[in-house]
C-alpha cells in the first residue's frame, strides 16, 4: 500500500507524569516523592491511511500515550500536531470540534458503553451532539453504521448486555465511526474478545481503513495481531519508544533486545519447533523507580556500563528504522544466531 509522505499526526517529546503513591500525604508533611513517568519523551509520526501498532508489556505506557495524544489525559510536556494543528494549544471549544477527527476505540467494549442506553440511543447521541445529520436522517444513519460494522440494525433497540464481547466491540467501532473521523486510537480492541472473533475484528478495521481512508494507532501486546494489521510498529518499554520501523523490518530484523524478547515470547504454531532461549529475563522495573540510563539494562543480555549510565536516543539504524540502543549492531548479530539455532 502506498502511504503519503506528509504525516497526519506528529508527536514530539511527549511526556505524562503522575504523582506517585501517597503523594498527598507526603505533600502535607512537606516531602517530595518520586513521580510516575508513564510516558517519557515519546516522539513518533503517523502518515495518512497508515496503521501504526504500539506494542509492549502491560504497564509500558501504551494506553496513556494513546489517551494523551487525544488529550483524554493532559500531557505534562511535549508537542502534538494533527494536520499541522497544535493540539495542546487548543481551547476546550476548539478541542471538541477537533475530536470529531480524532476518536478512540476502548479496550473493554462493555465498560465503555452506557449499560442503560440502547445501541440506537448511544449512536444517536453521538450523531446529535456533533450535528452529523439532520434530525430526520439520524435513524437511517444509525442503521447504516450498524451495517458497516457487520451488525443487524434490527437489534439496535437492545442493551449492551444483550450482545457478545465481539459484537460490543463492533458497537464501539460504530460509535467512533459515527463522527466520521480521520484518525482512530484503537486501544487493544481484540484483547477482550474470544480468539475466534479477533480475526473478524482485525479484518473489519482493515476494511474500514481502506473504505474510509482512516489512519490508526493500534495498541496491542500480541505480536501476532500486530503482524497482521500494521504498516509500522513502535515498541514501547517503561514509557519510552525503543524501536520504530516498518512491520516487515521489525519481524525480520529487530534491532533492540527488548523487541527480540517480545518476538521470542510470541507463541509458535509448530510444537515441534520450540525456542530454547529465554524470551525476556526478570520482571519489568517499577515506573516509580526506573533504572538509570537505558531502562531495559536490568533485563538485557548485552548491557554494558554505558547502558547503565547513559540513555540511548531513538536514532536511525537503517532506512526508516529507528532504535534506541547503544549496541544495536550486536543485538542484530545475536538475533541472526538465535534465528539459525531456532528456525
Protein backbone atom coordinates (compact mmCIF):
# COMPACT_ATOMS: atom_id res chain seq x y z
CA UNK A 1 0.00 0.00 0.00
CA UNK A 2 1.27 3.46 -0.84
CA UNK A 3 1.49 5.79 2.16
CA UNK A 4 1.51 9.56 1.70
CA UNK A 5 4.77 11.16 2.85
CA UNK A 6 3.47 14.03 4.97
CA UNK A 7 2.46 12.90 8.50
CA UNK A 8 -1.11 13.28 9.66
CA UNK A 9 0.00 13.13 13.30
CA UNK A 10 3.29 14.31 14.78
CA UNK A 11 4.23 13.70 18.41
CA UNK A 12 7.43 15.26 19.76
CA UNK A 13 8.96 14.63 23.18
CA UNK A 14 5.55 13.89 24.70
CA UNK A 15 5.56 13.10 28.42
CA UNK A 16 2.92 12.31 31.01
CA UNK A 17 3.87 12.30 34.68
CA UNK A 18 1.66 11.37 37.61
CA UNK A 19 2.21 11.95 41.30
CA UNK A 20 3.42 8.75 42.96
CA UNK A 21 1.57 6.74 45.57
CA UNK A 22 0.99 8.65 48.79
CA UNK A 23 1.81 11.97 47.14
CA UNK A 24 -0.94 13.82 49.00
CA UNK A 25 0.23 12.68 52.44
CA UNK A 26 3.84 13.46 51.58
CA UNK A 27 2.85 16.94 50.43
CA UNK A 28 1.18 17.55 53.81
CA UNK A 29 4.44 16.61 55.51
CA UNK A 30 6.49 18.73 53.12
CA UNK A 31 8.16 15.77 51.47
CA UNK A 32 8.55 15.23 47.75
CA UNK A 33 8.09 11.66 46.50
CA UNK A 34 9.13 10.08 43.22
CA UNK A 35 6.78 10.81 40.28
CA UNK A 36 5.46 8.13 37.98
CA UNK A 37 6.59 8.93 34.44
CA UNK A 38 4.09 6.94 32.40
CA UNK A 39 5.19 8.44 29.07
CA UNK A 40 8.76 9.64 28.78
CA UNK A 41 9.67 11.98 25.89
CA UNK A 42 7.99 9.97 23.14
CA UNK A 43 8.30 11.07 19.52
CA UNK A 44 6.60 9.45 16.53
CA UNK A 45 4.88 10.26 13.25
CA UNK A 46 1.88 8.60 11.63
CA UNK A 47 1.11 9.16 7.95
CA UNK A 48 -2.34 9.27 6.34
CA UNK A 49 -4.02 5.85 5.90
CA UNK A 50 -1.25 4.19 7.91
CA UNK A 51 -1.79 1.74 10.75
CA UNK A 52 0.96 2.09 13.33
CA UNK A 53 0.95 -0.50 16.08
CA UNK A 54 2.20 0.33 19.57
CA UNK A 55 3.37 -2.77 21.43
CA UNK A 56 4.88 -3.57 24.80
CA UNK A 57 4.24 -5.33 28.09
CA UNK A 58 1.47 -4.25 30.45
CA UNK A 59 2.43 -1.06 32.24
CA UNK A 60 4.70 0.20 29.48
CA UNK A 61 2.58 3.32 28.94
CA UNK A 62 0.81 2.41 25.70
CA UNK A 63 -2.71 3.35 26.75
CA UNK A 64 -1.54 6.53 28.48
CA UNK A 65 0.23 7.59 25.29
CA UNK A 66 -2.91 6.97 23.21
CA UNK A 67 -5.07 8.95 25.63
CA UNK A 68 -2.52 11.77 25.87
CA UNK A 69 -2.44 12.13 22.07
CA UNK A 70 -6.22 12.69 22.13
CA UNK A 71 -5.94 14.84 25.28
CA UNK A 72 -8.23 12.49 27.17
CA UNK A 73 -5.46 12.90 29.73
CA UNK A 74 -3.48 16.12 29.65
CA UNK A 75 0.19 15.67 28.68
CA UNK A 76 2.79 17.05 31.07
CA UNK A 77 5.14 18.16 28.32
CA UNK A 78 5.80 17.86 24.61
CA UNK A 79 4.05 18.63 21.35
CA UNK A 80 1.14 17.07 19.44
CA UNK A 81 0.33 18.21 15.91
CA UNK A 82 -2.63 16.91 13.94
CA UNK A 83 -2.77 18.09 10.35
CA UNK A 84 -0.27 20.73 11.41
CA UNK A 85 -2.56 21.98 14.20
CA UNK A 86 -1.05 22.32 17.69
CA UNK A 87 -3.46 20.13 19.65
CA UNK A 88 -2.10 21.14 23.07
CA UNK A 89 -2.77 24.82 22.34
CA UNK A 90 -6.46 24.31 21.51
CA UNK A 91 -9.17 25.76 23.74
CA UNK A 92 -11.76 23.32 25.06
CA UNK A 93 -14.24 24.57 22.44
CA UNK A 94 -11.84 24.03 19.54
CA UNK A 95 -10.70 20.74 21.03
CA UNK A 96 -14.29 19.42 21.00
CA UNK A 97 -14.52 20.27 17.30
CA UNK A 98 -11.17 18.64 16.57
CA UNK A 99 -12.17 15.49 18.44
CA UNK A 100 -14.59 14.70 15.64
CA UNK A 101 -11.49 13.86 13.63
CA UNK A 102 -9.70 12.00 16.46
CA UNK A 103 -11.60 9.14 18.08
CA UNK A 104 -10.84 6.20 20.36
CA UNK A 105 -11.99 2.59 20.44
CA UNK A 106 -11.60 1.38 24.02
CA UNK A 107 -10.19 -1.92 25.23
CA UNK A 108 -13.23 -3.02 27.23
CA UNK A 109 -16.27 -2.76 24.97
CA UNK A 110 -18.68 -3.25 27.89
CA UNK A 111 -17.43 -0.62 30.35
CA UNK A 112 -17.09 1.94 27.56
CA UNK A 113 -20.81 1.66 26.71
CA UNK A 114 -23.62 3.01 28.89
CA UNK A 115 -25.37 -0.16 30.13
CA UNK A 116 -28.71 1.68 30.38
CA UNK A 117 -28.70 3.04 26.84
CA UNK A 118 -29.73 1.01 23.84
CA UNK A 119 -27.36 0.77 20.93
CA UNK A 120 -29.60 3.09 18.93
CA UNK A 121 -29.62 5.70 21.70
CA UNK A 122 -25.82 5.50 22.02
CA UNK A 123 -25.25 6.12 18.33
CA UNK A 124 -27.99 8.73 18.04
CA UNK A 125 -26.41 10.69 20.90
CA UNK A 126 -23.08 10.92 19.07
CA UNK A 127 -24.78 11.97 15.84
CA UNK A 128 -26.85 14.67 17.55
CA UNK A 129 -24.10 16.12 19.76
CA UNK A 130 -21.80 16.57 16.79
CA UNK A 131 -24.62 17.50 14.39
CA UNK A 132 -23.58 14.88 11.89
CA UNK A 133 -27.01 14.55 10.26
CA UNK A 134 -30.36 16.41 10.16
CA UNK A 135 -32.78 15.06 12.75
CA UNK A 136 -34.90 13.24 10.17
CA UNK A 137 -31.84 11.32 8.87
CA UNK A 138 -30.37 10.16 12.17
CA UNK A 139 -32.33 6.89 12.43
CA UNK A 140 -31.28 5.87 8.92
CA UNK A 141 -27.65 6.76 9.68
CA UNK A 142 -27.71 4.54 12.78
CA UNK A 143 -28.86 1.64 10.62
CA UNK A 144 -26.06 2.37 8.14
CA UNK A 145 -23.41 2.41 10.88
CA UNK A 146 -24.55 -0.93 12.25
CA UNK A 147 -24.49 -2.48 8.79
CA UNK A 148 -20.99 -1.07 8.18
CA UNK A 149 -19.62 -2.89 11.25
CA UNK A 150 -21.49 -6.10 10.49
CA UNK A 151 -24.41 -5.86 12.93
CA UNK A 152 -28.12 -6.25 12.27
CA UNK A 153 -29.94 -2.87 12.52
CA UNK A 154 -32.99 -4.77 13.80
CA UNK A 155 -31.10 -5.28 17.07
CA UNK A 156 -30.46 -1.56 17.64
CA UNK A 157 -33.09 -1.46 20.40
CA UNK A 158 -31.13 -3.87 22.60
CA UNK A 159 -28.88 -3.01 25.55
CA UNK A 160 -25.11 -3.74 25.56
CA UNK A 161 -25.60 -6.74 27.88
CA UNK A 162 -27.58 -8.46 25.12
CA UNK A 163 -24.54 -8.64 22.85
CA UNK A 164 -21.37 -10.75 22.87
CA UNK A 165 -17.96 -9.21 23.51
CA UNK A 166 -17.15 -9.12 19.81
CA UNK A 167 -20.48 -7.51 18.99
CA UNK A 168 -19.98 -4.89 21.71
CA UNK A 169 -16.60 -4.06 20.23
CA UNK A 170 -18.28 -3.56 16.87
CA UNK A 171 -20.72 -1.17 18.56
CA UNK A 172 -17.76 0.76 19.97
CA UNK A 173 -16.24 0.95 16.50
CA UNK A 174 -19.58 2.13 15.07
CA UNK A 175 -19.70 4.88 17.70
CA UNK A 176 -16.20 6.03 16.75
CA UNK A 177 -17.15 5.99 13.05
CA UNK A 178 -20.36 7.95 13.65
CA UNK A 179 -18.50 11.30 13.68
CA UNK A 180 -16.53 10.39 10.52
CA UNK A 181 -13.01 10.70 11.99
CA UNK A 182 -9.72 10.73 10.13
CA UNK A 183 -7.71 9.20 13.00
CA UNK A 184 -8.59 6.43 15.47
CA UNK A 185 -6.70 5.19 18.51
CA UNK A 186 -7.68 1.52 18.91
CA UNK A 187 -6.68 0.52 22.44
CA UNK A 188 -6.20 -3.27 22.44
CA UNK A 189 -9.50 -3.72 20.57
CA UNK A 190 -9.22 -7.53 20.39
CA UNK A 191 -7.77 -8.35 23.82
CA UNK A 192 -11.21 -8.64 25.48
CA UNK A 193 -12.80 -10.86 22.80
CA UNK A 194 -12.52 -14.56 22.05
CA UNK A 195 -9.66 -15.70 19.85
CA UNK A 196 -12.18 -16.89 17.27
CA UNK A 197 -13.51 -13.32 16.97
CA UNK A 198 -10.18 -11.49 16.91
CA UNK A 199 -9.54 -12.07 13.21
CA UNK A 200 -13.03 -10.76 12.37
CA UNK A 201 -12.40 -7.52 14.28
CA UNK A 202 -8.98 -7.06 12.68
CA UNK A 203 -10.40 -7.67 9.21
CA UNK A 204 -13.11 -5.12 9.98
CA UNK A 205 -10.53 -2.49 10.98
CA UNK A 206 -8.50 -3.11 7.83
CA UNK A 207 -11.64 -2.86 5.71
CA UNK A 208 -12.64 0.39 7.41
CA UNK A 209 -9.18 1.85 6.86
CA UNK A 210 -9.43 1.18 3.15
CA UNK A 211 -13.08 2.20 2.85
CA UNK A 212 -12.89 5.48 4.77
CA UNK A 213 -9.18 6.40 4.41
CA UNK A 214 -8.67 6.06 8.15
CA UNK A 215 -5.37 6.43 9.98
CA UNK A 216 -4.90 4.35 13.14
CA UNK A 217 -2.75 3.92 16.19
CA UNK A 218 -3.32 0.27 17.10
CA UNK A 219 -2.33 -0.54 20.68
CA UNK A 220 -1.60 -4.20 21.44
CA UNK A 221 0.66 -6.61 23.27
CA UNK A 222 0.10 -9.59 20.96
CA UNK A 223 2.71 -9.54 18.20
CA UNK A 224 0.75 -11.98 16.03
CA UNK A 225 -2.04 -9.39 15.91
CA UNK A 226 0.44 -6.60 15.21
CA UNK A 227 1.98 -8.51 12.33
CA UNK A 228 -1.40 -8.85 10.67
CA UNK A 229 -2.60 -5.26 10.76
CA UNK A 230 0.47 -2.97 10.85
CA UNK A 231 2.26 -0.82 8.35
CA UNK A 232 4.78 0.21 11.01
CA UNK A 233 5.43 -0.87 14.59
CA UNK A 234 6.56 1.17 17.60
CA UNK A 235 7.89 -0.83 20.56
CA UNK A 236 7.45 0.77 24.00
CA UNK A 237 9.21 -0.05 27.26
CA UNK A 238 8.70 1.79 30.57
CA UNK A 239 7.30 4.88 28.90
CA UNK A 240 9.86 5.12 26.08
CA UNK A 241 9.83 4.13 22.40
CA UNK A 242 12.80 1.80 21.94
CA UNK A 243 12.27 0.79 18.30
CA UNK A 244 10.16 2.11 15.43
CA UNK A 245 10.21 0.61 11.95
CA UNK A 246 8.26 -0.94 9.11
CA UNK A 247 6.37 -4.07 10.11
CA UNK A 248 8.48 -6.33 7.90
CA UNK A 249 11.73 -4.96 9.33
CA UNK A 250 10.58 -5.38 12.94
CA UNK A 251 9.80 -9.06 12.40
CA UNK A 252 12.70 -9.92 10.10
CA UNK A 253 15.49 -7.84 11.63
CA UNK A 254 14.67 -6.46 15.10
CA UNK A 255 17.47 -4.26 16.41
CA UNK A 256 16.56 -3.82 20.06
CA UNK A 257 16.98 -6.66 22.59
CA UNK A 258 13.54 -5.92 24.05
CA UNK A 259 11.85 -6.26 20.65
CA UNK A 260 13.73 -9.52 20.15
CA UNK A 261 12.47 -10.76 23.52
CA UNK A 262 8.87 -9.95 22.63
CA UNK A 263 9.23 -11.86 19.39
CA UNK A 264 10.71 -14.87 21.18
CA UNK A 265 7.83 -14.78 23.66
CA UNK A 266 5.20 -14.94 20.93
CA UNK A 267 3.54 -18.39 20.72
CA UNK A 268 4.63 -20.59 17.84
CA UNK A 269 2.16 -22.63 15.83
CA UNK A 270 4.52 -25.59 15.44
CA UNK A 271 5.02 -27.50 18.73
CA UNK A 272 7.98 -29.36 17.19
CA UNK A 273 9.99 -26.13 16.89
CA UNK A 274 10.07 -24.58 20.32
CA UNK A 275 12.65 -21.95 21.18
CA UNK A 276 15.18 -22.95 23.86
CA UNK A 277 16.08 -19.30 24.51
CA UNK A 278 14.66 -17.34 27.46
CA UNK A 279 12.43 -14.62 25.98
CA UNK A 280 12.98 -11.78 28.47
CA UNK A 281 14.65 -12.29 31.85
CA UNK A 282 13.06 -10.96 35.02
CA UNK A 283 10.13 -8.61 35.61
CA UNK A 284 9.68 -5.01 34.41
CA UNK A 285 11.01 -2.50 36.96
CA UNK A 286 8.63 -0.09 38.67
CA UNK A 287 7.86 3.09 36.75
CA UNK A 288 8.17 4.89 40.11
CA UNK A 289 11.84 3.93 40.26
CA UNK A 290 13.04 3.16 36.73
CA UNK A 291 16.64 2.11 36.11
CA UNK A 292 19.19 4.74 35.09
CA UNK A 293 20.48 5.03 31.54
CA UNK A 294 18.66 2.55 29.32
CA UNK A 295 15.59 1.41 31.23
CA UNK A 296 16.00 -2.09 29.79
CA UNK A 297 19.56 -2.67 31.02
CA UNK A 298 18.43 -4.67 34.10
CA UNK A 299 16.95 -7.36 31.83
CA UNK A 300 19.19 -7.03 28.78
CA UNK A 301 21.66 -9.84 27.94
CA UNK A 302 24.13 -7.46 26.23
CA UNK A 303 24.02 -4.49 28.62
CA UNK A 304 27.27 -2.70 29.47
CA UNK A 305 28.28 0.13 31.80
CA UNK A 306 27.40 2.56 29.00
CA UNK A 307 23.81 1.25 29.05
CA UNK A 308 23.61 1.60 32.81
CA UNK A 309 24.85 5.18 32.75
CA UNK A 310 23.62 6.82 29.52
CA UNK A 311 20.16 6.92 27.99
CA UNK A 312 20.26 5.84 24.33
CA UNK A 313 18.41 8.17 21.97
CA UNK A 314 16.00 6.95 19.30
CA UNK A 315 18.06 7.26 16.13
CA UNK A 316 18.20 5.86 12.62
CA UNK A 317 19.95 2.49 12.44
CA UNK A 318 18.85 1.89 8.84
CA UNK A 319 16.43 3.40 6.34
CA UNK A 320 13.21 4.26 8.26
CA UNK A 321 14.35 2.03 11.12
CA UNK A 322 14.80 3.85 14.42
CA UNK A 323 16.24 2.21 17.53
CA UNK A 324 17.29 3.38 20.99
CA UNK A 325 20.13 1.00 21.77
CA UNK A 326 23.87 1.57 22.25
CA UNK A 327 24.60 -1.91 20.88
CA UNK A 328 22.05 -2.37 18.10
CA UNK A 329 24.58 -3.98 15.75
CA UNK A 330 25.48 -6.54 18.42
CA UNK A 331 21.77 -7.21 19.01
CA UNK A 332 21.21 -7.85 15.30
CA UNK A 333 24.10 -10.32 15.24
CA UNK A 334 22.68 -12.14 18.26
CA UNK A 335 19.27 -12.28 16.59
CA UNK A 336 20.74 -13.86 13.49
CA UNK A 337 22.49 -16.51 15.56
CA UNK A 338 19.33 -17.19 17.57
CA UNK A 339 17.22 -17.49 14.40
CA UNK A 340 19.69 -20.00 12.98
CA UNK A 341 19.53 -22.07 16.18
CA UNK A 342 15.72 -21.92 16.36
CA UNK A 343 14.41 -21.94 12.78
